[in-house]
């Protein structure tokens, strides 16, 4: 026999009624758990389908963007090759190299030439 408040419950209503009531609550609990499990599975299936659809859309968008990017890069490369003048040797995108009078190109700050 249970102790404490449960003992009072058993004393007041009797073993048979309390056992029947406990079994009824357990059945209701099991039913709600089953219903909740089914509802969760249904919602997960819907969520999974939406996720798959959105991932497929993202993959398609990514492929389209990559294709467009490669087309634009190819076109830009063709335009640059066709229209841009070829720089003469010794000149880069910055300009011509700095050279002191009658000397070699100097990298960095201007160097003084030894007299002699």
Protein backbone atom coordinates (compact mmCIF):
# COMPACT_ATOMS: atom_id res chain seq x y z
CA UNK A 1 0.00 0.00 0.00
CA UNK A 2 1.40 3.47 -0.91
CA UNK A 3 2.31 5.96 1.82
CA UNK A 4 1.43 9.64 2.40
CA UNK A 5 -1.25 11.41 0.34
CA UNK A 6 -1.65 8.42 -1.95
CA UNK A 7 -2.56 6.34 1.11
CA UNK A 8 -5.36 8.79 1.92
CA UNK A 9 -6.57 8.56 -1.67
CA UNK A 10 -6.63 4.74 -1.51
CA UNK A 11 -8.37 4.85 1.94
CA UNK A 12 -11.05 7.26 0.77
CA UNK A 13 -11.93 5.68 -2.61
CA UNK A 14 -10.75 2.13 -2.29
CA UNK A 15 -8.18 0.01 -4.13
CA UNK A 16 -10.41 -0.91 -7.06
CA UNK A 17 -11.50 2.65 -8.00
CA UNK A 18 -8.02 4.13 -7.59
CA UNK A 19 -6.48 1.37 -9.73
CA UNK A 20 -9.16 1.93 -12.38
CA UNK A 21 -8.52 5.69 -12.30
CA UNK A 22 -4.74 5.21 -12.57
CA UNK A 23 -5.18 2.82 -15.50
CA UNK A 24 -7.52 5.31 -17.21
CA UNK A 25 -4.97 8.14 -16.82
CA UNK A 26 -2.23 5.86 -18.19
CA UNK A 27 -4.42 5.00 -21.21
CA UNK A 28 -5.15 8.69 -21.85
CA UNK A 29 -1.44 9.48 -21.53
CA UNK A 30 -0.54 6.71 -24.00
CA UNK A 31 -3.17 7.95 -26.46
CA UNK A 32 -1.91 11.53 -26.28
CA UNK A 33 1.68 10.38 -26.67
CA UNK A 34 0.75 8.35 -29.76
CA UNK A 35 -1.20 11.29 -31.22
CA UNK A 36 1.69 13.64 -30.49
CA UNK A 37 4.21 11.25 -32.07
CA UNK A 38 2.08 10.97 -35.23
CA UNK A 39 1.66 14.74 -35.40
CA UNK A 40 5.40 15.26 -34.99
CA UNK A 41 6.15 12.74 -37.74
CA UNK A 42 3.67 14.49 -40.05
CA UNK A 43 5.19 17.90 -39.34
CA UNK A 44 8.70 16.56 -39.83
CA UNK A 45 7.71 15.04 -43.18
CA UNK A 46 6.30 18.40 -44.31
CA UNK A 47 9.38 20.24 -43.04
CA UNK A 48 11.69 17.76 -44.79
CA UNK A 49 9.83 18.20 -48.09
CA UNK A 50 10.07 22.00 -47.86
CA UNK A 51 13.75 21.79 -46.96
CA UNK A 52 14.46 19.54 -49.95
CA UNK A 53 12.59 21.93 -52.23
CA UNK A 54 14.49 24.97 -50.95
CA UNK A 55 17.82 23.18 -51.20
CA UNK A 56 17.01 22.25 -54.81
CA UNK A 57 16.12 25.90 -55.53
CA UNK A 58 19.35 27.06 -53.90
CA UNK A 59 21.39 24.57 -55.94
CA UNK A 60 19.70 25.74 -59.15
CA UNK A 61 20.35 29.38 -58.27
CA UNK A 62 23.97 28.61 -57.44
CA UNK A 63 24.46 26.77 -60.74
CA UNK A 64 22.84 29.65 -62.66
CA UNK A 65 25.03 32.19 -60.87
CA UNK A 66 28.18 30.16 -61.53
CA UNK A 67 27.26 29.80 -65.20
CA UNK A 68 26.53 33.52 -65.51
CA UNK A 69 29.77 34.38 -63.72
CA UNK A 70 31.84 32.20 -66.04
CA UNK A 71 30.10 33.68 -69.12
CA UNK A 72 30.73 37.22 -67.91
CA UNK A 73 34.36 36.41 -67.06
CA UNK A 74 34.88 34.88 -70.50
CA UNK A 75 33.32 37.89 -72.22
CA UNK A 76 35.38 40.29 -70.13
CA UNK A 77 38.51 38.33 -70.95
CA UNK A 78 37.66 38.49 -74.68
CA UNK A 79 36.97 42.23 -74.51
CA UNK A 80 40.24 42.91 -72.70
CA UNK A 81 42.23 40.83 -75.19
CA UNK A 82 40.54 42.42 -78.17
CA UNK A 83 40.35 46.07 -77.13
CA UNK A 84 43.18 46.69 -74.68
CA UNK A 85 46.51 47.79 -76.13
CA UNK A 86 49.42 45.61 -75.24
CA UNK A 87 51.82 47.53 -73.00
CA UNK A 88 55.38 47.78 -74.30
CA UNK A 89 58.04 45.76 -72.48
CA UNK A 90 59.21 47.38 -69.25
CA UNK A 91 55.86 49.01 -68.57
CA UNK A 92 53.34 47.46 -66.30
CA UNK A 93 50.07 48.64 -64.93
CA UNK A 94 51.83 51.11 -62.64
CA UNK A 95 53.81 52.94 -65.29
CA UNK A 96 57.39 52.92 -66.42
CA UNK A 97 60.17 52.05 -64.06
CA UNK A 98 62.05 54.91 -62.42
CA UNK A 99 65.57 55.22 -63.77
CA UNK A 100 68.25 57.69 -62.75
CA UNK A 101 69.99 59.49 -65.58
CA UNK A 102 72.05 57.01 -67.47
CA UNK A 103 71.58 54.25 -64.92
CA UNK A 104 69.66 51.12 -64.24
CA UNK A 105 66.10 51.08 -62.89
CA UNK A 106 66.00 51.75 -59.17
CA UNK A 107 63.68 49.95 -56.81
CA UNK A 108 62.84 51.80 -53.65
CA UNK A 109 64.11 55.22 -52.62
CA UNK A 110 66.51 57.10 -54.87
CA UNK A 111 70.07 56.01 -54.28
CA UNK A 112 73.05 58.33 -54.53
CA UNK A 113 75.73 57.33 -56.99
CA UNK A 114 79.27 57.15 -55.75
CA UNK A 115 81.54 59.75 -57.31
CA UNK A 116 84.58 58.50 -58.85
